[in-house]
Amino acid sequence: MAKAIHAMIRVLDEARSIAFYRQAFGLTVAERLDFDSFTLIYLSNPETTFELELTVNKGRTQPYDLGDGYGHLAVSVADVAAEHARLTEAGLSPRKIVDFAPAGPVIARFFFIADPDGYQIEVLERGGRYL
């Protein structure tokens, strides 16, 4: 059986991205690997062994074109309203909270927030399949 261990995204500004993920989700640098033309930064927190890998291509000055293929990362939190308020107060501009109920009962409560490079992150309240 395969075990998911990380997701990788390309970022333009290492410091700005690390600061965002620390402030928004409590992720800190687990490891930083520096190479001639790029740097890999692995972010994690005590909640899970899954990591976010930031790739910084040295010398790049233009933002990445995310195109229409990227979807989103997802994280779960105990209280989506409290996290929304905290992120709003921090000036990180989360979008509105959604109670997703396509067939009647609410099956997910969430909001989206964009990181400094435009990557979308879904913040889901823990419950059901979203633990």
Protein backbone atom coordinates (compact mmCIF):
# COMPACT_ATOMS: atom_id res chain seq x y z
CA MET A 1 0.00 0.00 0.00
CA ALA A 2 1.29 3.47 -0.84
CA LYS A 3 1.56 6.18 1.83
CA ALA A 4 1.20 9.84 0.83
CA ILE A 5 4.23 11.72 2.19
CA HIS A 6 4.25 15.18 0.57
CA ALA A 7 2.90 17.52 -2.07
CA MET A 8 5.20 19.91 -3.97
CA ILE A 9 4.49 23.42 -5.17
CA ARG A 10 6.83 25.92 -6.83
CA VAL A 11 7.11 29.26 -5.07
CA LEU A 12 8.74 32.52 -6.06
CA ASP A 13 9.77 33.96 -2.68
CA GLU A 14 11.02 31.49 -0.07
CA ALA A 15 10.74 33.79 2.95
CA ARG A 16 7.26 35.04 2.03
CA SER A 17 5.97 31.49 1.52
CA ILE A 18 7.49 30.13 4.73
CA ALA A 19 5.99 33.06 6.67
CA PHE A 20 2.54 32.47 5.14
CA TYR A 21 2.45 28.74 5.88
CA ARG A 22 3.75 29.30 9.43
CA GLN A 23 1.18 31.99 10.18
CA ALA A 24 -1.74 30.31 8.42
CA PHE A 25 -1.23 26.64 9.31
CA GLY A 26 1.55 26.35 11.88
CA LEU A 27 3.90 24.68 9.39
CA THR A 28 7.60 25.05 10.09
CA VAL A 29 10.71 24.04 8.20
CA ALA A 30 11.45 20.36 8.78
CA GLU A 31 14.35 20.33 6.33
CA ARG A 32 15.93 22.61 3.75
CA LEU A 33 18.01 21.18 0.90
CA ASP A 34 20.00 23.70 -1.12
CA PHE A 35 21.25 22.85 -4.62
CA ASP A 36 22.93 24.88 -7.37
CA SER A 37 19.79 25.81 -9.27
CA PHE A 38 16.98 25.18 -6.76
CA THR A 39 16.14 24.77 -3.09
CA LEU A 40 13.69 22.30 -1.53
CA ILE A 41 12.01 23.26 1.73
CA TYR A 42 9.92 20.66 3.56
CA LEU A 43 7.25 22.08 5.88
CA SER A 44 5.41 20.12 8.55
CA ASN A 45 3.68 20.33 11.91
CA PRO A 46 2.96 17.87 14.75
CA GLU A 47 -0.58 17.15 13.43
CA THR A 48 0.58 14.79 10.66
CA THR A 49 3.58 13.20 8.97
CA PHE A 50 2.46 14.60 5.59
CA GLU A 51 4.67 17.46 4.41
CA LEU A 52 4.44 20.35 1.98
CA GLU A 53 7.51 20.67 -0.23
CA LEU A 54 8.26 24.17 -1.48
CA THR A 55 10.53 24.30 -4.54
CA VAL A 56 12.35 27.58 -5.13
CA ASN A 57 14.04 27.79 -8.54
CA LYS A 58 16.98 30.17 -8.17
CA GLY A 59 17.06 33.14 -10.51
CA ARG A 60 13.34 33.03 -11.26
CA THR A 61 11.76 36.48 -11.13
CA GLN A 62 8.34 35.93 -12.71
CA PRO A 63 5.38 34.37 -10.87
CA TYR A 64 4.43 30.85 -11.92
CA ASP A 65 1.45 30.36 -14.22
CA LEU A 66 -0.78 28.03 -12.23
CA GLY A 67 -2.85 27.28 -15.33
CA ASP A 68 -6.08 25.36 -15.05
CA GLY A 69 -4.64 22.04 -13.87
CA TYR A 70 -3.97 22.84 -10.20
CA GLY A 71 -6.86 22.22 -7.80
CA HIS A 72 -6.03 22.79 -4.15
CA LEU A 73 -4.37 21.52 -0.99
CA ALA A 74 -6.65 20.72 1.92
CA VAL A 75 -6.15 20.95 5.67
CA SER A 76 -8.57 20.15 8.47
CA VAL A 77 -9.14 22.19 11.63
CA ALA A 78 -11.25 21.67 14.74
CA ASP A 79 -13.23 24.92 14.38
CA VAL A 80 -13.50 26.44 10.91
CA ALA A 81 -15.16 29.64 12.16
CA ALA A 82 -12.38 30.27 14.69
CA GLU A 83 -9.68 29.68 12.04
CA HIS A 84 -11.49 31.94 9.59
CA ALA A 85 -11.59 34.71 12.21
CA ARG A 86 -7.90 34.21 13.10
CA LEU A 87 -6.80 34.33 9.46
CA THR A 88 -8.99 37.37 8.78
CA GLU A 89 -7.51 39.17 11.78
CA ALA A 90 -4.02 38.29 10.50
CA GLY A 91 -4.85 40.02 7.21
CA LEU A 92 -4.62 36.82 5.13
CA SER A 93 -8.01 37.32 3.40
CA PRO A 94 -9.76 33.95 3.61
CA ARG A 95 -12.86 33.63 1.43
CA LYS A 96 -16.32 33.10 2.95
CA ILE A 97 -17.25 30.00 4.93
CA VAL A 98 -19.36 27.53 2.97
CA ASP A 99 -21.75 24.95 4.40
CA PHE A 100 -21.70 22.37 1.60
CA ALA A 101 -25.05 20.54 1.49
CA PRO A 102 -25.76 19.39 -2.08
CA ALA A 103 -28.36 16.80 -1.03
CA GLY A 104 -29.78 18.44 2.13
CA PRO A 105 -27.57 17.70 5.16
CA VAL A 106 -24.26 19.56 5.50
CA ILE A 107 -21.44 17.22 4.49
CA ALA A 108 -18.60 19.74 4.75
CA ARG A 109 -17.95 23.15 6.25
CA PHE A 110 -15.01 24.98 4.71
CA PHE A 111 -13.40 28.07 3.23
CA PHE A 112 -10.55 28.70 0.80
CA ILE A 113 -7.49 30.88 1.21
CA ALA A 114 -4.76 31.67 -1.33
CA ASP A 115 -1.05 31.57 -0.52
CA PRO A 116 1.33 34.31 -1.78
CA ASP A 117 1.79 32.49 -5.12
CA GLY A 118 -1.95 32.02 -5.69
CA TYR A 119 -2.17 28.36 -4.66
CA GLN A 120 -5.58 27.61 -3.19
CA ILE A 121 -5.88 25.90 0.20
CA GLU A 122 -9.17 24.47 1.40
CA VAL A 123 -9.65 24.66 5.17
CA LEU A 124 -12.21 22.06 6.27
CA GLU A 125 -13.79 21.56 9.66
CA ARG A 126 -12.91 18.14 11.06
CA GLY A 127 -15.72 15.64 10.90
CA GLY A 128 -17.02 12.80 8.75
CA ARG A 129 -14.37 11.94 6.19
CA TYR A 130 -12.44 15.16 6.84
CA LEU A 131 -10.47 14.27 9.93
